Amino acid sequence: MHLSRLIAAPIAVAAMALSTPVLAQATNVNLDRFDGRWFEVVRNPNNVQKDCSRAQIDFTPQSRAGRYSLSVACTRTADGEVEVLRANARVTDTATNAKFRFTLTGLLSFGGLAGQNYWVWDHAPDYSWAIMGLPDKSNWWIWHRSANPSAAERSRLVARAGQLGFNTSRTVHTGR
């Protein structure tokens, strides 16, 4: 009886480890490889982007280290109009380069108060995709270097987002 407990305990721990979502964000993000053009290809539903059928993100380094300009072009579903939102981003965790504070620019900035923290939760070794999300995981996005990756690639990345602990029961596929 005692031997069966010794055998069962490690098996139970291993089973729990396999079923528990990965909770840590990415580490050692290479910002030189992270900058450039991205396309949002999958996200969870959110009110801000409810009419957005395609989003293109340009992530451009500024002259100050750890600072970036963002330009997000959203194609509206109803009329095909493109709305461009501009923001600044700064790295908030220089040990990992995986945490950013995005702040809107222009009239919508409210003196820098209109901002949000975003984390890189995972990325491809070649930076062909990245899973971005809020720290509390209430919203998440899959960014890809291709505007229209295959259905298999999208499914694999949604599964990865689920492994990271994001709710993937409802998804919005964009950029098709």
N, C-alpha and C. Protein backbone atom coordinates (compact mmCIF):
# COMPACT_ATOMS: atom_id res chain seq x y z
N MET A 1 0.83 -1.19 0.00
CA MET A 1 0.00 0.00 0.00
C MET A 1 0.88 1.25 0.00
N HIS A 2 1.91 1.26 0.83
CA HIS A 2 2.81 2.40 0.91
C HIS A 2 3.55 2.60 -0.41
N LEU A 3 3.95 1.51 -1.06
CA LEU A 3 4.65 1.57 -2.34
C LEU A 3 3.75 2.16 -3.43
N SER A 4 2.47 1.83 -3.40
CA SER A 4 1.56 2.35 -4.42
C SER A 4 1.41 3.87 -4.30
N ARG A 5 1.45 4.40 -3.08
CA ARG A 5 1.40 5.85 -2.89
C ARG A 5 2.65 6.51 -3.44
N LEU A 6 3.80 5.88 -3.25
CA LEU A 6 5.06 6.43 -3.75
C LEU A 6 5.06 6.48 -5.28
N ILE A 7 4.45 5.52 -5.91
CA ILE A 7 4.38 5.50 -7.37
C ILE A 7 3.31 6.46 -7.87
N ALA A 8 2.17 6.50 -7.20
CA ALA A 8 1.05 7.33 -7.64
C ALA A 8 1.33 8.82 -7.51
N ALA A 9 2.07 9.22 -6.49
CA ALA A 9 2.33 10.66 -6.26
C ALA A 9 3.06 11.31 -7.42
N PRO A 10 4.19 10.74 -7.91
CA PRO A 10 4.86 11.39 -9.04
C PRO A 10 4.00 11.42 -10.30
N ILE A 11 3.21 10.38 -10.51
CA ILE A 11 2.33 10.35 -11.68
C ILE A 11 1.28 11.46 -11.59
N ALA A 12 0.72 11.66 -10.41
CA ALA A 12 -0.28 12.72 -10.22
C ALA A 12 0.34 14.10 -10.44
N VAL A 13 1.55 14.30 -9.92
CA VAL A 13 2.24 15.59 -10.10
C VAL A 13 2.52 15.83 -11.58
N ALA A 14 2.98 14.80 -12.30
CA ALA A 14 3.27 14.94 -13.72
C ALA A 14 2.01 15.26 -14.51
N ALA A 15 0.91 14.61 -14.17
CA ALA A 15 -0.36 14.88 -14.86
C ALA A 15 -0.82 16.30 -14.63
N MET A 16 -0.67 16.80 -13.41
CA MET A 16 -1.06 18.18 -13.11
C MET A 16 -0.17 19.15 -13.88
N ALA A 17 1.10 18.87 -13.99
CA ALA A 17 2.03 19.76 -14.70
C ALA A 17 1.68 19.82 -16.17
N LEU A 18 1.26 18.70 -16.75
CA LEU A 18 0.90 18.68 -18.17
C LEU A 18 -0.39 19.43 -18.44
N SER A 19 -1.31 19.45 -17.50
CA SER A 19 -2.60 20.09 -17.74
C SER A 19 -2.63 21.55 -17.29
N THR A 20 -1.62 22.00 -16.55
CA THR A 20 -1.59 23.37 -16.06
C THR A 20 -1.07 24.31 -17.13
N PRO A 21 -1.77 25.42 -17.40
CA PRO A 21 -1.29 26.35 -18.42
C PRO A 21 0.04 26.97 -18.02
N VAL A 22 0.84 27.26 -19.03
CA VAL A 22 2.10 27.97 -18.82
C VAL A 22 1.74 29.41 -18.45
N LEU A 23 2.31 29.93 -17.37
CA LEU A 23 1.90 31.24 -16.89
C LEU A 23 2.92 32.34 -17.12
N ALA A 24 4.12 32.02 -17.54
CA ALA A 24 5.17 33.02 -17.68
C ALA A 24 5.16 33.64 -19.08
N GLN A 25 5.57 34.88 -19.13
CA GLN A 25 5.70 35.54 -20.42
C GLN A 25 7.08 35.24 -21.00
N ALA A 26 7.27 35.66 -22.24
CA ALA A 26 8.54 35.43 -22.93
C ALA A 26 9.68 36.13 -22.20
N THR A 27 10.86 35.63 -22.42
CA THR A 27 12.06 36.27 -21.88
C THR A 27 13.03 36.52 -23.03
N ASN A 28 13.91 37.46 -22.81
CA ASN A 28 14.95 37.76 -23.79
C ASN A 28 14.41 38.08 -25.18
N VAL A 29 13.46 38.99 -25.27
CA VAL A 29 12.95 39.43 -26.56
C VAL A 29 14.02 40.30 -27.22
N ASN A 30 14.40 39.93 -28.42
CA ASN A 30 15.39 40.69 -29.19
C ASN A 30 14.64 41.81 -29.91
N LEU A 31 14.77 43.01 -29.41
CA LEU A 31 13.98 44.13 -29.96
C LEU A 31 14.34 44.45 -31.40
N ASP A 32 15.59 44.21 -31.80
CA ASP A 32 15.96 44.44 -33.20
C ASP A 32 15.21 43.51 -34.14
N ARG A 33 14.88 42.33 -33.67
CA ARG A 33 14.13 41.37 -34.49
C ARG A 33 12.63 41.54 -34.32
N PHE A 34 12.22 42.16 -33.21
CA PHE A 34 10.80 42.34 -32.95
C PHE A 34 10.21 43.51 -33.75
N ASP A 35 11.02 44.52 -34.04
CA ASP A 35 10.47 45.68 -34.74
C ASP A 35 10.13 45.31 -36.20
N GLY A 36 9.36 46.18 -36.83
CA GLY A 36 8.94 45.94 -38.20
C GLY A 36 7.43 45.82 -38.31
N ARG A 37 7.00 45.24 -39.42
CA ARG A 37 5.56 45.11 -39.70
C ARG A 37 5.02 43.78 -39.21
N TRP A 38 3.88 43.87 -38.54
CA TRP A 38 3.14 42.72 -38.05
C TRP A 38 1.71 42.81 -38.55
N PHE A 39 1.06 41.65 -38.62
CA PHE A 39 -0.36 41.59 -38.94
C PHE A 39 -1.06 40.83 -37.83
N GLU A 40 -2.13 41.42 -37.32
CA GLU A 40 -2.94 40.69 -36.36
C GLU A 40 -3.70 39.65 -37.16
N VAL A 41 -3.61 38.37 -36.73
CA VAL A 41 -4.31 37.32 -37.47
C VAL A 41 -5.38 36.61 -36.64
N VAL A 42 -5.24 36.64 -35.32
CA VAL A 42 -6.25 36.07 -34.42
C VAL A 42 -6.22 36.88 -33.14
N ARG A 43 -7.40 37.04 -32.53
CA ARG A 43 -7.50 37.72 -31.24
C ARG A 43 -8.75 37.24 -30.55
N ASN A 44 -8.89 37.63 -29.29
CA ASN A 44 -10.16 37.37 -28.63
C ASN A 44 -11.10 38.56 -28.92
N PRO A 45 -12.41 38.36 -28.84
CA PRO A 45 -13.33 39.48 -29.08
C PRO A 45 -13.10 40.58 -28.04
N ASN A 46 -13.10 41.83 -28.49
CA ASN A 46 -13.02 42.96 -27.57
C ASN A 46 -13.77 44.13 -28.16
N ASN A 47 -14.27 45.01 -27.32
CA ASN A 47 -15.11 46.11 -27.77
C ASN A 47 -14.37 47.12 -28.64
N VAL A 48 -13.09 47.34 -28.37
CA VAL A 48 -12.34 48.34 -29.12
C VAL A 48 -12.20 47.94 -30.59
N GLN A 49 -12.04 46.66 -30.86
CA GLN A 49 -11.79 46.20 -32.21
C GLN A 49 -12.97 45.45 -32.83
N LYS A 50 -14.15 45.61 -32.30
CA LYS A 50 -15.26 44.78 -32.75
C LYS A 50 -15.57 44.93 -34.24
N ASP A 51 -15.25 46.07 -34.84
CA ASP A 51 -15.51 46.28 -36.26
C ASP A 51 -14.26 46.14 -37.12
N CYS A 52 -13.18 45.69 -36.55
CA CYS A 52 -11.90 45.62 -37.26
C CYS A 52 -11.74 44.24 -37.91
N SER A 53 -11.66 44.20 -39.24
CA SER A 53 -11.52 42.92 -39.93
C SER A 53 -10.07 42.62 -40.30
N ARG A 54 -9.21 43.63 -40.23
CA ARG A 54 -7.80 43.44 -40.54
C ARG A 54 -7.01 44.51 -39.80
N ALA A 55 -5.92 44.12 -39.17
CA ALA A 55 -5.08 45.10 -38.48
C ALA A 55 -3.63 44.87 -38.88
N GLN A 56 -2.98 45.97 -39.21
CA GLN A 56 -1.56 45.95 -39.55
C GLN A 56 -0.85 46.83 -38.54
N ILE A 57 0.22 46.31 -37.95
CA ILE A 57 0.94 47.04 -36.91
C ILE A 57 2.37 47.29 -37.38
N ASP A 58 2.78 48.55 -37.40
CA ASP A 58 4.17 48.89 -37.69
C ASP A 58 4.82 49.31 -36.39
N PHE A 59 5.84 48.58 -36.00
CA PHE A 59 6.54 48.75 -34.73
C PHE A 59 7.93 49.28 -35.07
N THR A 60 8.15 50.59 -34.87
CA THR A 60 9.34 51.27 -35.36
C THR A 60 10.16 51.85 -34.21
N PRO A 61 11.46 51.55 -34.16
CA PRO A 61 12.29 52.11 -33.07
C PRO A 61 12.41 53.62 -33.17
N GLN A 62 12.41 54.29 -32.03
CA GLN A 62 12.67 55.72 -31.95
C GLN A 62 14.14 55.93 -31.62
N SER A 63 14.56 57.17 -31.55
CA SER A 63 15.96 57.46 -31.29
C SER A 63 16.39 57.10 -29.86
N ARG A 64 15.47 57.13 -28.92
CA ARG A 64 15.80 56.75 -27.53
C ARG A 64 15.69 55.25 -27.36
N ALA A 65 16.64 54.66 -26.68
CA ALA A 65 16.65 53.21 -26.47
C ALA A 65 15.38 52.76 -25.74
N GLY A 66 14.82 51.65 -26.20
CA GLY A 66 13.64 51.11 -25.54
C GLY A 66 12.35 51.84 -25.83
N ARG A 67 12.37 52.74 -26.83
CA ARG A 67 11.17 53.50 -27.20
C ARG A 67 10.81 53.19 -28.65
N TYR A 68 9.50 53.09 -28.91
CA TYR A 68 9.01 52.72 -30.22
C TYR A 68 7.81 53.55 -30.61
N SER A 69 7.62 53.71 -31.91
CA SER A 69 6.39 54.29 -32.45
C SER A 69 5.57 53.14 -33.01
N LEU A 70 4.28 53.23 -32.78
CA LEU A 70 3.37 52.23 -33.34
C LEU A 70 2.37 52.92 -34.24
N SER A 71 2.09 52.29 -35.34
CA SER A 71 1.03 52.72 -36.22
C SER A 71 0.16 51.49 -36.46
N VAL A 72 -1.09 51.57 -36.06
CA VAL A 72 -2.00 50.45 -36.20
C VAL A 72 -3.09 50.85 -37.20
N ALA A 73 -3.11 50.16 -38.33
CA ALA A 73 -4.11 50.41 -39.36
C ALA A 73 -5.18 49.33 -39.27
N CYS A 74 -6.40 49.76 -39.00
CA CYS A 74 -7.53 48.84 -38.84
C CYS A 74 -8.47 49.03 -40.02
N THR A 75 -8.74 47.96 -40.74
CA THR A 75 -9.72 48.00 -41.82
C THR A 75 -11.07 47.64 -41.24
N ARG A 76 -12.02 48.55 -41.36
CA ARG A 76 -13.35 48.35 -40.80
C ARG A 76 -14.15 47.37 -41.64
N THR A 77 -14.87 46.50 -40.98
CA THR A 77 -15.65 45.46 -41.64
C THR A 77 -16.76 46.03 -42.51
N ALA A 78 -17.50 46.98 -42.00
CA ALA A 78 -18.71 47.47 -42.67
C ALA A 78 -18.42 48.18 -43.99
N ASP A 79 -17.45 49.08 -44.00
CA ASP A 79 -17.25 49.92 -45.18
C ASP A 79 -15.86 49.83 -45.80
N GLY A 80 -14.96 49.06 -45.21
CA GLY A 80 -13.62 48.92 -45.75
C GLY A 80 -12.71 50.11 -45.49
N GLU A 81 -13.22 51.10 -44.75
CA GLU A 81 -12.40 52.27 -44.41
C GLU A 81 -11.24 51.85 -43.50
N VAL A 82 -10.13 52.53 -43.67
CA VAL A 82 -8.96 52.25 -42.84
C VAL A 82 -8.82 53.35 -41.80
N GLU A 83 -8.79 52.95 -40.55
CA GLU A 83 -8.59 53.87 -39.44
C GLU A 83 -7.19 53.64 -38.90
N VAL A 84 -6.42 54.70 -38.75
CA VAL A 84 -5.05 54.58 -38.26
C VAL A 84 -4.96 55.17 -36.86
N LEU A 85 -4.41 54.38 -35.97
CA LEU A 85 -4.20 54.80 -34.60
C LEU A 85 -2.69 54.83 -34.36
N ARG A 86 -2.22 55.90 -33.74
CA ARG A 86 -0.79 56.02 -33.48
C ARG A 86 -0.55 55.99 -31.97
N ALA A 87 0.55 55.35 -31.62
CA ALA A 87 0.89 55.22 -30.20
C ALA A 87 2.41 55.20 -30.06
N ASN A 88 2.84 55.42 -28.86
CA ASN A 88 4.24 55.25 -28.48
C ASN A 88 4.31 54.05 -27.56
N ALA A 89 5.43 53.37 -27.60
CA ALA A 89 5.64 52.24 -26.70
C ALA A 89 7.00 52.39 -26.05
N ARG A 90 7.05 51.98 -24.80
CA ARG A 90 8.35 51.95 -24.13
C ARG A 90 8.47 50.63 -23.40
N VAL A 91 9.68 50.12 -23.39
CA VAL A 91 9.96 48.88 -22.68
C VAL A 91 9.91 49.17 -21.19
N THR A 92 9.16 48.38 -20.45
CA THR A 92 9.05 48.59 -19.00
C THR A 92 9.82 47.56 -18.19
N ASP A 93 10.35 46.55 -18.86
CA ASP A 93 11.15 45.53 -18.20
C ASP A 93 12.37 45.24 -19.08
N THR A 94 13.46 45.94 -18.83
CA THR A 94 14.64 45.79 -19.68
C THR A 94 15.38 44.47 -19.46
N ALA A 95 15.03 43.75 -18.41
CA ALA A 95 15.66 42.44 -18.20
C ALA A 95 15.17 41.42 -19.22
N THR A 96 13.90 41.54 -19.64
CA THR A 96 13.33 40.59 -20.60
C THR A 96 12.99 41.23 -21.93
N ASN A 97 12.76 42.54 -21.96
CA ASN A 97 12.26 43.27 -23.13
C ASN A 97 10.90 42.73 -23.58
N ALA A 98 10.16 42.10 -22.70
CA ALA A 98 8.88 41.48 -23.04
C ALA A 98 7.68 42.27 -22.53
N LYS A 99 7.92 43.37 -21.85
CA LYS A 99 6.81 44.16 -21.30
C LYS A 99 6.90 45.58 -21.83
N PHE A 100 5.74 46.07 -22.31
CA PHE A 100 5.67 47.40 -22.89
C PHE A 100 4.53 48.19 -22.30
N ARG A 101 4.65 49.48 -22.36
CA ARG A 101 3.56 50.40 -22.06
C ARG A 101 3.27 51.14 -23.35
N PHE A 102 2.07 50.93 -23.92
CA PHE A 102 1.64 51.62 -25.12
C PHE A 102 0.81 52.82 -24.71
N THR A 103 1.12 53.99 -25.26
CA THR A 103 0.39 55.21 -24.95
C THR A 103 -0.04 55.86 -26.25
N LEU A 104 -1.32 56.19 -26.35
CA LEU A 104 -1.83 56.85 -27.55
C LEU A 104 -1.17 58.21 -27.73
N THR A 105 -1.09 58.65 -28.98
CA THR A 105 -0.53 59.97 -29.28
C THR A 105 -1.65 60.88 -29.79
N GLY A 106 -1.35 62.15 -29.91
CA GLY A 106 -2.32 63.11 -30.45
C GLY A 106 -3.42 63.44 -29.47
N LEU A 107 -4.57 63.78 -30.02
CA LEU A 107 -5.70 64.22 -29.19
C LEU A 107 -6.21 63.14 -28.24
N LEU A 108 -6.00 61.88 -28.61
CA LEU A 108 -6.49 60.78 -27.77
C LEU A 108 -5.57 60.43 -26.62
N SER A 109 -4.42 61.12 -26.52
CA SER A 109 -3.44 60.73 -25.51
C SER A 109 -3.80 61.17 -24.09
N PHE A 110 -4.59 62.21 -23.97
CA PHE A 110 -4.97 62.73 -22.64
C PHE A 110 -3.74 62.94 -21.77
N GLY A 111 -2.71 63.56 -22.36
CA GLY A 111 -1.48 63.83 -21.61
C GLY A 111 -0.72 62.59 -21.20
N GLY A 112 -0.83 61.53 -21.99
CA GLY A 112 -0.12 60.29 -21.67
C GLY A 112 -0.88 59.35 -20.75
N LEU A 113 -2.09 59.74 -20.34
CA LEU A 113 -2.88 58.91 -19.42
C LEU A 113 -3.56 57.74 -20.12
N ALA A 114 -3.80 57.89 -21.44
CA ALA A 114 -4.48 56.83 -22.18
C ALA A 114 -3.45 55.81 -22.63
N GLY A 115 -3.11 54.90 -21.76
CA GLY A 115 -2.12 53.89 -22.06
C GLY A 115 -2.51 52.54 -21.52
N GLN A 116 -1.78 51.54 -21.94
CA GLN A 116 -2.08 50.16 -21.54
C GLN A 116 -0.78 49.38 -21.53
N ASN A 117 -0.66 48.45 -20.59
CA ASN A 117 0.50 47.56 -20.55
C ASN A 117 0.23 46.34 -21.42
N TYR A 118 1.22 45.97 -22.21
CA TYR A 118 1.14 44.79 -23.08
C TYR A 118 2.39 43.96 -22.85
N TRP A 119 2.21 42.66 -22.88
CA TRP A 119 3.34 41.75 -22.71
C TRP A 119 3.46 40.86 -23.94
N VAL A 120 4.69 40.54 -24.28
CA VAL A 120 4.96 39.49 -25.26
C VAL A 120 4.96 38.19 -24.46
N TRP A 121 3.98 37.35 -24.71
CA TRP A 121 3.87 36.10 -23.94
C TRP A 121 4.67 34.98 -24.57
N ASP A 122 4.82 35.02 -25.89
CA ASP A 122 5.64 34.02 -26.58
C ASP A 122 5.92 34.55 -27.98
N HIS A 123 6.93 33.99 -28.61
CA HIS A 123 7.25 34.35 -29.99
C HIS A 123 8.02 33.22 -30.64
N ALA A 124 8.02 33.21 -31.95
CA ALA A 124 8.80 32.21 -32.69
C ALA A 124 10.28 32.54 -32.57
N PRO A 125 11.13 31.54 -32.61
CA PRO A 125 12.57 31.82 -32.58
C PRO A 125 13.01 32.77 -33.70
N ASP A 126 12.34 32.69 -34.85
CA ASP A 126 12.69 33.55 -35.98
C ASP A 126 11.84 34.83 -36.03
N TYR A 127 11.03 35.05 -35.01
CA TYR A 127 10.17 36.22 -34.89
C TYR A 127 9.15 36.31 -36.04
N SER A 128 8.69 35.15 -36.51
CA SER A 128 7.65 35.13 -37.54
C SER A 128 6.26 35.31 -36.93
N TRP A 129 6.12 35.07 -35.63
CA TRP A 129 4.86 35.29 -34.92
C TRP A 129 5.15 35.67 -33.48
N ALA A 130 4.17 36.32 -32.87
CA ALA A 130 4.25 36.67 -31.45
C ALA A 130 2.86 36.61 -30.85
N ILE A 131 2.78 36.19 -29.62
CA ILE A 131 1.51 36.23 -28.89
C ILE A 131 1.61 37.37 -27.89
N MET A 132 0.78 38.37 -28.10
CA MET A 132 0.74 39.57 -27.25
C MET A 132 -0.49 39.48 -26.36
N GLY A 133 -0.42 40.06 -25.19
CA GLY A 133 -1.59 40.05 -24.32
C GLY A 133 -1.44 41.02 -23.19
N LEU A 134 -2.56 41.31 -22.56
CA LEU A 134 -2.54 42.14 -21.36
C LEU A 134 -2.00 41.30 -20.20
N PRO A 135 -1.42 41.95 -19.20
CA PRO A 135 -0.88 41.19 -18.06
C PRO A 135 -1.90 40.29 -17.38
N ASP A 136 -3.16 40.72 -17.33
CA ASP A 136 -4.19 39.89 -16.68
C ASP A 136 -4.82 38.86 -17.63
N LYS A 137 -4.34 38.84 -18.85
CA LYS A 137 -4.77 37.90 -19.89
C LYS A 137 -6.22 38.09 -20.33
N SER A 138 -6.81 39.24 -20.05
CA SER A 138 -8.19 39.49 -20.46
C SER A 138 -8.30 39.70 -21.97
N ASN A 139 -7.27 40.18 -22.60
CA ASN A 139 -7.24 40.35 -24.06
C ASN A 139 -5.92 39.84 -24.58
N TRP A 140 -5.95 39.26 -25.77
CA TRP A 140 -4.74 38.73 -26.39
C TRP A 140 -4.85 38.84 -27.89
N TRP A 141 -3.68 38.83 -28.53
CA TRP A 141 -3.58 38.96 -29.98
C TRP A 141 -2.47 38.06 -30.48
N ILE A 142 -2.66 37.49 -31.64
CA ILE A 142 -1.58 36.78 -32.31
C ILE A 142 -1.15 37.64 -33.48
N TRP A 143 0.09 38.07 -33.42
CA TRP A 143 0.70 38.85 -34.50
C TRP A 143 1.54 37.91 -35.35
N HIS A 144 1.52 38.16 -36.66
CA HIS A 144 2.27 37.32 -37.59
C HIS A 144 2.92 38.21 -38.63
N ARG A 145 4.02 37.77 -39.17
CA ARG A 145 4.70 38.54 -40.23
C ARG A 145 3.97 38.41 -41.55
N SER A 146 3.20 37.34 -41.71
CA SER A 146 2.40 37.13 -42.92
C SER A 146 0.98 37.63 -42.65
N ALA A 147 0.40 38.30 -43.63
CA ALA A 147 -0.97 38.80 -43.47
C ALA A 147 -1.99 37.67 -43.43
N ASN A 148 -1.65 36.53 -44.00
CA ASN A 148 -2.62 35.44 -44.05
C ASN A 148 -1.93 34.09 -43.91
N PRO A 149 -1.50 33.75 -42.69
CA PRO A 149 -0.89 32.43 -42.50
C PRO A 149 -1.93 31.33 -42.70
N SER A 150 -1.47 30.13 -42.91
CA SER A 150 -2.37 29.00 -43.16
C SER A 150 -3.30 28.75 -41.98
N ALA A 151 -4.38 28.05 -42.26
CA ALA A 151 -5.33 27.68 -41.21
C ALA A 151 -4.63 26.80 -40.16
N ALA A 152 -3.74 25.92 -40.61
CA ALA A 152 -3.02 25.06 -39.67
C ALA A 152 -2.13 25.88 -38.74
N GLU A 153 -1.46 26.89 -39.29
CA GLU A 153 -0.60 27.77 -38.48
C GLU A 153 -1.44 28.54 -37.47
N ARG A 154 -2.58 29.07 -37.91
CA ARG A 154 -3.47 29.79 -36.99
C ARG A 154 -3.93 28.88 -35.86
N SER A 155 -4.33 27.67 -36.20
CA SER A 155 -4.80 26.71 -35.18
C SER A 155 -3.70 26.38 -34.19
N ARG A 156 -2.50 26.18 -34.68
CA ARG A 156 -1.36 25.88 -33.81
C ARG A 156 -1.09 27.03 -32.86
N LEU A 157 -1.18 28.26 -33.35
CA LEU A 157 -0.91 29.43 -32.51
C LEU A 157 -2.03 29.68 -31.50
N VAL A 158 -3.27 29.42 -31.89
CA VAL A 158 -4.38 29.54 -30.93
C VAL A 158 -4.21 28.49 -29.83
N ALA A 159 -3.80 27.28 -30.20
CA ALA A 159 -3.55 26.25 -29.19
C ALA A 159 -2.43 26.69 -28.25
N ARG A 160 -1.40 27.33 -28.79
CA ARG A 160 -0.31 27.82 -27.95
C ARG A 160 -0.81 28.89 -26.99
N ALA A 161 -1.67 29.80 -27.48
CA ALA A 161 -2.24 30.83 -26.61
C ALA A 161 -3.03 30.17 -25.47
N GLY A 162 -3.75 29.12 -25.77
CA GLY A 162 -4.47 28.38 -24.75
C GLY A 162 -3.53 27.77 -23.73
N GLN A 163 -2.40 27.23 -24.18
CA GLN A 163 -1.40 26.67 -23.27
C GLN A 163 -0.84 27.74 -22.34
N LEU A 164 -0.81 28.97 -22.82
CA LEU A 164 -0.29 30.08 -22.00
C LEU A 164 -1.32 30.59 -21.00
N GLY A 165 -2.54 30.04 -21.06
CA GLY A 165 -3.56 30.42 -20.10
C GLY A 165 -4.58 31.42 -20.60
N PHE A 166 -4.53 31.76 -21.89
CA PHE A 166 -5.53 32.67 -22.45
C PHE A 166 -6.81 31.90 -22.77
N ASN A 167 -7.95 32.56 -22.61
CA ASN A 167 -9.23 31.94 -22.95
C ASN A 167 -9.37 31.96 -24.46
N THR A 168 -9.31 30.80 -25.08
CA THR A 168 -9.40 30.69 -26.54
C THR A 168 -10.72 30.08 -26.99
N SER A 169 -11.72 30.10 -26.11
CA SER A 169 -13.01 29.50 -26.48
C SER A 169 -13.72 30.31 -27.56
N ARG A 170 -13.44 31.61 -27.63
CA ARG A 170 -14.01 32.47 -28.69
C ARG A 170 -12.85 33.23 -29.33
N THR A 171 -12.73 33.10 -30.63
CA THR A 171 -11.64 33.79 -31.34
C THR A 171 -12.20 34.57 -32.51
N VAL A 172 -11.46 35.59 -32.88
CA VAL A 172 -11.77 36.38 -34.08
C VAL A 172 -10.58 36.23 -35.00
N HIS A 173 -10.81 35.66 -36.18
CA HIS A 173 -9.74 35.52 -37.17
C HIS A 173 -9.81 36.72 -38.09
N THR A 174 -8.71 37.43 -38.20
CA THR A 174 -8.66 38.65 -39.00
C THR A 174 -7.65 38.48 -40.13
N GLY A 175 -7.69 39.38 -41.08
CA GLY A 175 -6.70 39.41 -42.14
C GLY A 175 -6.88 38.39 -43.24
N ARG A 176 -8.01 37.75 -43.29
CA ARG A 176 -8.22 36.74 -44.35
C ARG A 176 -8.63 37.39 -45.63
